[in-house]
Amino acid sequence: MIELERDGEVFVLRMKGGENRINQPFLDELDSALDEVEASEGDAALITTGEGKFYSNGLDLAWAAGRSADEVRQAMAGMHALFARLLTFPMATVAAVNGHAFAAGAMLALAHDFRVMRADRGYVCFPEIDLATGLPLTPGMYALLTARLPPAIANEALITGQRYTGGEAVARQMVHEALPEADVLPRAIDLARGLANKHRASMAALKRGMFTTALEMLSQPVPEFVTGGRG
């Protein structure tokens, strides 16, 4: 599900699971890849991207529906830990959003320092308001969202469930740039390479200082409402 390659100072982590829905096996592979990146020496920066139509379509609801409450809670805690890890990653991170980024997939992109999105196809969306059963976010997810987005934009996104194109996402500060498909990854690599020489310990410390509240909330136990096969 995960492929990692290095292009000079830049690590490119490709999510190759179709819709790249987040479940425990996906989290395990992604964490292993991040371990490899962190263990590297010398100048480095990280890019994540998907393939085809999807960056990530969020939590794997079909996987969660067939698992016990404890397994779902463990996966959710792992997802929170992934968001926290990326928020404080000891090098610059860029999400090359090649397609749809929905729900937890959009939050995965928001956990990066920078986001470059495809302009002609794909949406950023927080669709929880429109799920048949209704579903609030966890406190950690709310904290991540409000750490990255202006309050009025976070309110609009959550209350309307609107699907934002690349250009609309730029206007709302969800992503930094929207470009033609062929330019997304090259631009992400340029951004990452320009920041690869930053001091790792300082990078991590500065990020921890910026995101104290979000990190505290992401470390909290997962609420009971996520354990009924929903996510």
C-alpha atoms as a PDB file:
ATOM      1  CA  MET A   1       0.000   0.000   0.000  1.00  0.00           C
ATOM      2  CA  ILE A   2       2.979   2.313   0.539  1.00  0.00           C
ATOM      3  CA  GLU A   3       5.967   2.902  -1.739  1.00  0.00           C
ATOM      4  CA  LEU A   4       8.895   5.056  -0.627  1.00  0.00           C
ATOM      5  CA  GLU A   5      11.588   6.421  -2.910  1.00  0.00           C
ATOM      6  CA  ARG A   6      14.266   9.061  -2.515  1.00  0.00           C
ATOM      7  CA  ASP A   7      15.024  11.780  -5.046  1.00  0.00           C
ATOM      8  CA  GLY A   8      18.160  13.448  -3.710  1.00  0.00           C
ATOM      9  CA  GLU A   9      17.159  15.222  -0.513  1.00  0.00           C
ATOM     10  CA  VAL A  10      13.457  14.519  -1.051  1.00  0.00           C
ATOM     11  CA  PHE A  11      11.586  11.413   0.061  1.00  0.00           C
ATOM     12  CA  VAL A  12       8.438  10.714  -1.966  1.00  0.00           C
ATOM     13  CA  LEU A  13       5.954   8.493  -0.131  1.00  0.00           C
ATOM     14  CA  ARG A  14       3.305   7.150  -2.502  1.00  0.00           C
ATOM     15  CA  MET A  15       0.050   5.773  -1.168  1.00  0.00           C
ATOM     16  CA  LYS A  16      -0.953   2.988  -3.576  1.00  0.00           C
ATOM     17  CA  GLY A  17      -4.078   1.494  -2.061  1.00  0.00           C
ATOM     18  CA  GLY A  18      -6.674   2.667  -4.579  1.00  0.00           C
ATOM     19  CA  GLU A  19      -8.762   5.074  -2.521  1.00  0.00           C
ATOM     20  CA  ASN A  20      -6.091   4.972   0.200  1.00  0.00           C
ATOM     21  CA  ARG A  21      -8.646   4.507   2.935  1.00  0.00           C
ATOM     22  CA  ILE A  22      -7.143   4.508   6.401  1.00  0.00           C
ATOM     23  CA  ASN A  23      -7.202   1.221   8.323  1.00  0.00           C
ATOM     24  CA  GLN A  24      -4.753  -0.542  10.626  1.00  0.00           C
ATOM     25  CA  PRO A  25      -2.650  -2.237   7.914  1.00  0.00           C
ATOM     26  CA  PHE A  26      -2.403   1.085   6.059  1.00  0.00           C
ATOM     27  CA  LEU A  27      -1.293   2.864   9.243  1.00  0.00           C
ATOM     28  CA  ASP A  28       1.293   0.178   9.994  1.00  0.00           C
ATOM     29  CA  GLU A  29       2.884   0.484   6.537  1.00  0.00           C
ATOM     30  CA  LEU A  30       2.820   4.271   6.600  1.00  0.00           C
ATOM     31  CA  ASP A  31       4.435   4.415  10.042  1.00  0.00           C
ATOM     32  CA  SER A  32       7.191   2.042   8.893  1.00  0.00           C
ATOM     33  CA  ALA A  33       7.912   4.287   5.925  1.00  0.00           C
ATOM     34  CA  LEU A  34       8.046   7.351   8.182  1.00  0.00           C
ATOM     35  CA  ASP A  35      10.452   5.494  10.474  1.00  0.00           C
ATOM     36  CA  GLU A  36      12.752   4.997   7.486  1.00  0.00           C
ATOM     37  CA  VAL A  37      12.570   8.668   6.553  1.00  0.00           C
ATOM     38  CA  GLU A  38      13.327   9.793  10.107  1.00  0.00           C
ATOM     39  CA  ALA A  39      16.265   7.394  10.340  1.00  0.00           C
ATOM     40  CA  SER A  40      17.896   8.930   7.254  1.00  0.00           C
ATOM     41  CA  GLU A  41      20.965  11.116   7.487  1.00  0.00           C
ATOM     42  CA  GLY A  42      21.707  14.444   5.889  1.00  0.00           C
ATOM     43  CA  ASP A  43      19.378  17.014   4.388  1.00  0.00           C
ATOM     44  CA  ALA A  44      15.863  15.697   3.779  1.00  0.00           C
ATOM     45  CA  ALA A  45      12.222  16.605   3.297  1.00  0.00           C
ATOM     46  CA  LEU A  46       9.074  14.531   2.842  1.00  0.00           C
ATOM     47  CA  ILE A  47       6.299  14.451   0.245  1.00  0.00           C
ATOM     48  CA  THR A  48       3.208  12.255   0.385  1.00  0.00           C
ATOM     49  CA  THR A  49       0.980  11.637  -2.609  1.00  0.00           C
ATOM     50  CA  GLY A  50      -1.529   9.140  -3.949  1.00  0.00           C
ATOM     51  CA  GLU A  51      -2.308   7.742  -7.377  1.00  0.00           C
ATOM     52  CA  GLY A  52      -5.065   8.316  -9.895  1.00  0.00           C
ATOM     53  CA  LYS A  53      -8.283   9.868  -8.576  1.00  0.00           C
ATOM     54  CA  PHE A  54      -7.525   9.722  -4.851  1.00  0.00           C
ATOM     55  CA  TYR A  55      -5.131  11.200  -2.362  1.00  0.00           C
ATOM     56  CA  SER A  56      -7.083   9.570   0.474  1.00  0.00           C
ATOM     57  CA  ASN A  57     -10.777   8.891   0.910  1.00  0.00           C
ATOM     58  CA  GLY A  58     -10.586   8.835   4.707  1.00  0.00           C
ATOM     59  CA  LEU A  59     -11.257   6.148   7.263  1.00  0.00           C
ATOM     60  CA  ASP A  60     -11.980   2.693   5.861  1.00  0.00           C
ATOM     61  CA  LEU A  61     -15.577   2.313   7.042  1.00  0.00           C
ATOM     62  CA  ALA A  62     -15.989  -1.159   5.521  1.00  0.00           C
ATOM     63  CA  TRP A  63     -12.900  -2.358   7.389  1.00  0.00           C
ATOM     64  CA  ALA A  64     -14.106  -0.737  10.626  1.00  0.00           C
ATOM     65  CA  ALA A  65     -17.585  -2.266  10.342  1.00  0.00           C
ATOM     66  CA  GLY A  66     -16.097  -5.760  10.508  1.00  0.00           C
ATOM     67  CA  ARG A  67     -13.861  -5.104  13.498  1.00  0.00           C
ATOM     68  CA  SER A  68     -14.367  -5.088  17.246  1.00  0.00           C
ATOM     69  CA  ALA A  69     -14.769  -1.878  19.203  1.00  0.00           C
ATOM     70  CA  ASP A  70     -11.242  -2.267  20.550  1.00  0.00           C
ATOM     71  CA  GLU A  71      -9.788  -2.696  17.050  1.00  0.00           C
ATOM     72  CA  VAL A  72     -11.605   0.388  15.783  1.00  0.00           C
ATOM     73  CA  ARG A  73     -10.468   2.389  18.793  1.00  0.00           C
ATOM     74  CA  GLN A  74      -6.877   1.245  18.240  1.00  0.00           C
ATOM     75  CA  ALA A  75      -6.985   2.285  14.567  1.00  0.00           C
ATOM     76  CA  MET A  76      -8.464   5.658  15.449  1.00  0.00           C
ATOM     77  CA  ALA A  77      -5.768   6.202  18.068  1.00  0.00           C
ATOM     78  CA  GLY A  78      -3.190   5.255  15.450  1.00  0.00           C
ATOM     79  CA  MET A  79      -4.678   7.778  13.033  1.00  0.00           C
ATOM     80  CA  HIS A  80      -4.506  10.490  15.701  1.00  0.00           C
ATOM     81  CA  ALA A  81      -0.885   9.533  16.346  1.00  0.00           C
ATOM     82  CA  LEU A  82      -0.150   9.785  12.615  1.00  0.00           C
ATOM     83  CA  PHE A  83      -1.617  13.295  12.464  1.00  0.00           C
ATOM     84  CA  ALA A  84       0.443  14.314  15.498  1.00  0.00           C
ATOM     85  CA  ARG A  85       3.574  12.758  14.033  1.00  0.00           C
ATOM     86  CA  LEU A  86       3.208  14.673  10.787  1.00  0.00           C
ATOM     87  CA  LEU A  87       2.408  17.930  12.599  1.00  0.00           C
ATOM     88  CA  THR A  88       5.747  17.656  14.404  1.00  0.00           C
ATOM     89  CA  PHE A  89       7.792  15.829  11.768  1.00  0.00           C
ATOM     90  CA  PRO A  90      11.464  16.850  12.043  1.00  0.00           C
ATOM     91  CA  MET A  91      11.668  17.977   8.435  1.00  0.00           C
ATOM     92  CA  ALA A  92       9.489  19.896   5.994  1.00  0.00           C
ATOM     93  CA  THR A  93       6.454  18.002   4.710  1.00  0.00           C
ATOM     94  CA  VAL A  94       4.432  18.611   1.550  1.00  0.00           C
ATOM     95  CA  ALA A  95       1.183  16.884   0.568  1.00  0.00           C
ATOM     96  CA  ALA A  96       0.964  16.532  -3.218  1.00  0.00           C
ATOM     97  CA  VAL A  97      -2.821  16.163  -3.390  1.00  0.00           C
ATOM     98  CA  ASN A  98      -3.320  14.349  -6.675  1.00  0.00           C
ATOM     99  CA  GLY A  99      -7.067  13.829  -6.321  1.00  0.00           C
ATOM    100  CA  HIS A 100      -9.883  13.530  -3.803  1.00  0.00           C
ATOM    101  CA  ALA A 101      -9.029  14.213  -0.150  1.00  0.00           C
ATOM    102  CA  PHE A 102     -12.113  13.446   1.936  1.00  0.00           C
ATOM    103  CA  ALA A 103     -12.731  13.431   5.696  1.00  0.00           C
ATOM    104  CA  ALA A 104      -9.711  11.917   7.477  1.00  0.00           C
ATOM    105  CA  GLY A 105      -7.903  11.970   4.134  1.00  0.00           C
ATOM    106  CA  ALA A 106      -8.270  15.757   4.052  1.00  0.00           C
ATOM    107  CA  MET A 107      -7.037  15.900   7.647  1.00  0.00           C
ATOM    108  CA  LEU A 108      -4.022  13.831   6.630  1.00  0.00           C
ATOM    109  CA  ALA A 109      -3.184  16.504   4.053  1.00  0.00           C
ATOM    110  CA  LEU A 110      -3.766  19.285   6.597  1.00  0.00           C
ATOM    111  CA  ALA A 111      -1.231  17.699   8.936  1.00  0.00           C
ATOM    112  CA  HIS A 112       1.514  18.566   6.408  1.00  0.00           C
ATOM    113  CA  ASP A 113       3.344  21.894   6.345  1.00  0.00           C
ATOM    114  CA  PHE A 114       2.350  22.621   2.745  1.00  0.00           C
ATOM    115  CA  ARG A 115      -0.271  21.346   0.314  1.00  0.00           C
ATOM    116  CA  VAL A 116      -0.187  21.448  -3.483  1.00  0.00           C
ATOM    117  CA  MET A 117      -3.383  20.248  -5.176  1.00  0.00           C
ATOM    118  CA  ARG A 118      -4.492  19.272  -8.617  1.00  0.00           C
ATOM    119  CA  ALA A 119      -6.614  22.068 -10.090  1.00  0.00           C
ATOM    120  CA  ASP A 120      -8.634  20.264 -12.734  1.00  0.00           C
ATOM    121  CA  ARG A 121      -9.977  17.277 -10.831  1.00  0.00           C
ATOM    122  CA  GLY A 122     -10.477  16.215  -7.243  1.00  0.00           C
ATOM    123  CA  TYR A 123     -12.106  17.729  -4.179  1.00  0.00           C
ATOM    124  CA  VAL A 124     -11.302  18.510  -0.572  1.00  0.00           C
ATOM    125  CA  CYS A 125     -14.329  17.689   1.553  1.00  0.00           C
ATOM    126  CA  PHE A 126     -15.384  17.092   5.164  1.00  0.00           C
ATOM    127  CA  PRO A 127     -18.616  15.129   4.542  1.00  0.00           C
ATOM    128  CA  GLU A 128     -19.497  14.067   8.090  1.00  0.00           C
ATOM    129  CA  ILE A 129     -22.619  16.284   8.154  1.00  0.00           C
ATOM    130  CA  ASP A 130     -24.082  14.275   5.275  1.00  0.00           C
ATOM    131  CA  LEU A 131     -23.408  10.762   6.550  1.00  0.00           C
ATOM    132  CA  ALA A 132     -26.645   8.846   7.062  1.00  0.00           C
ATOM    133  CA  THR A 133     -26.023   8.197  10.749  1.00  0.00           C
ATOM    134  CA  GLY A 134     -24.423  11.557  11.468  1.00  0.00           C
ATOM    135  CA  LEU A 135     -20.959  11.688  12.929  1.00  0.00           C
ATOM    136  CA  PRO A 136     -19.117  14.324  14.937  1.00  0.00           C
ATOM    137  CA  LEU A 137     -15.355  14.493  14.725  1.00  0.00           C
ATOM    138  CA  THR A 138     -13.138  13.557  17.636  1.00  0.00           C
ATOM    139  CA  PRO A 139     -11.755  16.405  19.756  1.00  0.00           C
ATOM    140  CA  GLY A 140      -8.338  15.782  18.212  1.00  0.00           C
ATOM    141  CA  MET A 141      -9.740  16.136  14.705  1.00  0.00           C
ATOM    142  CA  TYR A 142     -11.491  19.393  15.594  1.00  0.00           C
ATOM    143  CA  ALA A 143      -8.211  20.665  17.039  1.00  0.00           C
ATOM    144  CA  LEU A 144      -6.265  19.751  13.908  1.00  0.00           C
ATOM    145  CA  LEU A 145      -8.855  21.404  11.680  1.00  0.00           C
ATOM    146  CA  THR A 146      -8.950  24.631  13.666  1.00  0.00           C
ATOM    147  CA  ALA A 147      -5.148  24.712  13.951  1.00  0.00           C
ATOM    148  CA  ARG A 148      -4.853  24.787  10.167  1.00  0.00           C
ATOM    149  CA  LEU A 149      -7.943  26.651   8.945  1.00  0.00           C
ATOM    150  CA  PRO A 150      -9.469  30.051   9.745  1.00  0.00           C
ATOM    151  CA  PRO A 151     -12.482  29.568  12.086  1.00  0.00           C
ATOM    152  CA  ALA A 152     -15.020  30.790   9.530  1.00  0.00           C
ATOM    153  CA  ILE A 153     -13.683  28.380   6.904  1.00  0.00           C
ATOM    154  CA  ALA A 154     -13.668  25.428   9.309  1.00  0.00           C
ATOM    155  CA  ASN A 155     -17.276  26.276  10.196  1.00  0.00           C
ATOM    156  CA  GLU A 156     -18.292  26.458   6.529  1.00  0.00           C
ATOM    157  CA  ALA A 157     -16.564  23.204   5.642  1.00  0.00           C
ATOM    158  CA  LEU A 158     -18.076  21.223   8.512  1.00  0.00           C
ATOM    159  CA  ILE A 159     -21.601  22.646   8.450  1.00  0.00           C
ATOM    160  CA  THR A 160     -22.092  22.549   4.674  1.00  0.00           C
ATOM    161  CA  GLY A 161     -20.084  19.449   3.747  1.00  0.00           C
ATOM    162  CA  GLN A 162     -19.124  21.337   0.571  1.00  0.00           C
ATOM    163  CA  ARG A 163     -16.763  19.772  -1.957  1.00  0.00           C
ATOM    164  CA  TYR A 164     -13.993  22.237  -2.764  1.00  0.00           C
ATOM    165  CA  THR A 165     -12.109  22.248  -6.047  1.00  0.00           C
ATOM    166  CA  GLY A 166      -8.421  23.044  -6.026  1.00  0.00           C
ATOM    167  CA  GLY A 167      -9.031  26.721  -6.743  1.00  0.00           C
ATOM    168  CA  GLU A 168     -11.729  26.948  -4.085  1.00  0.00           C
ATOM    169  CA  ALA A 169      -9.447  25.191  -1.608  1.00  0.00           C
ATOM    170  CA  VAL A 170      -6.692  27.741  -2.278  1.00  0.00           C
ATOM    171  CA  ALA A 171      -9.137  30.605  -1.682  1.00  0.00           C
ATOM    172  CA  ARG A 172     -10.036  29.061   1.701  1.00  0.00           C
ATOM    173  CA  GLN A 173      -6.429  28.392   2.747  1.00  0.00           C
ATOM    174  CA  MET A 174      -6.948  24.628   2.699  1.00  0.00           C
ATOM    175  CA  VAL A 175      -4.145  24.223   0.172  1.00  0.00           C
ATOM    176  CA  HIS A 176      -1.382  26.578  -0.874  1.00  0.00           C
ATOM    177  CA  GLU A 177      -1.439  26.088  -4.634  1.00  0.00           C
ATOM    178  CA  ALA A 178      -3.635  24.438  -7.280  1.00  0.00           C
ATOM    179  CA  LEU A 179      -1.887  23.399 -10.484  1.00  0.00           C
ATOM    180  CA  PRO A 180      -2.372  21.186 -13.542  1.00  0.00           C
ATOM    181  CA  GLU A 181      -1.994  17.502 -12.736  1.00  0.00           C
ATOM    182  CA  ALA A 182       1.439  17.194 -14.362  1.00  0.00           C
ATOM    183  CA  ASP A 183       2.806  20.046 -12.249  1.00  0.00           C
ATOM    184  CA  VAL A 184       1.622  18.953  -8.810  1.00  0.00           C
ATOM    185  CA  LEU A 185       4.406  16.559  -7.855  1.00  0.00           C
ATOM    186  CA  PRO A 186       7.231  18.574  -9.476  1.00  0.00           C
ATOM    187  CA  ARG A 187       6.087  21.682  -7.599  1.00  0.00           C
ATOM    188  CA  ALA A 188       5.880  19.715  -4.343  1.00  0.00           C
ATOM    189  CA  ILE A 189       9.425  18.447  -4.933  1.00  0.00           C
ATOM    190  CA  ASP A 190      10.679  21.990  -5.556  1.00  0.00           C
ATOM    191  CA  LEU A 191       9.070  23.197  -2.316  1.00  0.00           C
ATOM    192  CA  ALA A 192      10.448  20.276  -0.340  1.00  0.00           C
ATOM    193  CA  ARG A 193      13.944  20.535  -1.780  1.00  0.00           C
ATOM    194  CA  GLY A 194      14.117  24.228  -0.905  1.00  0.00           C
ATOM    195  CA  LEU A 195      13.508  23.372   2.756  1.00  0.00           C
ATOM    196  CA  ALA A 196      15.522  20.174   3.038  1.00  0.00           C
ATOM    197  CA  ASN A 197      18.503  21.859   4.705  1.00  0.00           C
ATOM    198  CA  LYS A 198      16.599  22.990   7.794  1.00  0.00           C
ATOM    199  CA  HIS A 199      17.783  21.811  11.204  1.00  0.00           C
ATOM    200  CA  ARG A 200      15.737  18.777  12.186  1.00  0.00           C
ATOM    201  CA  ALA A 201      15.617  19.255  15.949  1.00  0.00           C
ATOM    202  CA  SER A 202      14.687  22.916  15.578  1.00  0.00           C
ATOM    203  CA  MET A 203      12.023  22.032  13.023  1.00  0.00           C
ATOM    204  CA  ALA A 204      10.389  19.565  15.392  1.00  0.00           C
ATOM    205  CA  ALA A 205      10.621  21.912  18.377  1.00  0.00           C
ATOM    206  CA  LEU A 206       9.083  24.842  16.505  1.00  0.00           C
ATOM    207  CA  LYS A 207       6.207  22.675  15.317  1.00  0.00           C
ATOM    208  CA  ARG A 208       5.561  21.361  18.820  1.00  0.00           C
ATOM    209  CA  GLY A 209       5.370  24.945  20.017  1.00  0.00           C
ATOM    210  CA  MET A 210       2.908  25.942  17.300  1.00  0.00           C
ATOM    211  CA  PHE A 211       0.572  23.000  17.768  1.00  0.00           C
ATOM    212  CA  THR A 212       0.518  22.487  21.527  1.00  0.00           C
ATOM    213  CA  THR A 213      -3.281  22.396  21.784  1.00  0.00           C
ATOM    214  CA  ALA A 214      -3.802  20.124  18.772  1.00  0.00           C
ATOM    215  CA  LEU A 215      -1.125  17.731  20.007  1.00  0.00           C
ATOM    216  CA  GLU A 216      -2.689  17.592  23.467  1.00  0.00           C
ATOM    217  CA  MET A 217      -6.117  16.804  22.006  1.00  0.00           C
ATOM    218  CA  LEU A 218      -4.767  14.212  19.569  1.00  0.00           C
ATOM    219  CA  SER A 219      -3.151  12.392  22.496  1.00  0.00           C
ATOM    220  CA  GLN A 220      -6.462  12.029  24.365  1.00  0.00           C
ATOM    221  CA  PRO A 221      -8.284   8.657  24.497  1.00  0.00           C
ATOM    222  CA  VAL A 222     -10.575   8.026  21.536  1.00  0.00           C
ATOM    223  CA  PRO A 223     -14.223   8.778  22.430  1.00  0.00           C
ATOM    224  CA  GLU A 224     -16.717   5.928  22.675  1.00  0.00           C
ATOM    225  CA  PHE A 225     -18.817   7.058  19.710  1.00  0.00           C
ATOM    226  CA  VAL A 226     -16.212   5.905  17.175  1.00  0.00           C
ATOM    227  CA  THR A 227     -16.391   2.243  18.214  1.00  0.00           C
ATOM    228  CA  GLY A 228     -19.714   1.313  16.675  1.00  0.00           C
ATOM    229  CA  GLY A 229     -18.321   0.632  13.197  1.00  0.00           C
ATOM    230  CA  ARG A 230     -18.442   4.321  12.318  1.00  0.00           C
ATOM    231  CA  GLY A 231     -15.576   6.673  11.497  1.00  0.00           C
END
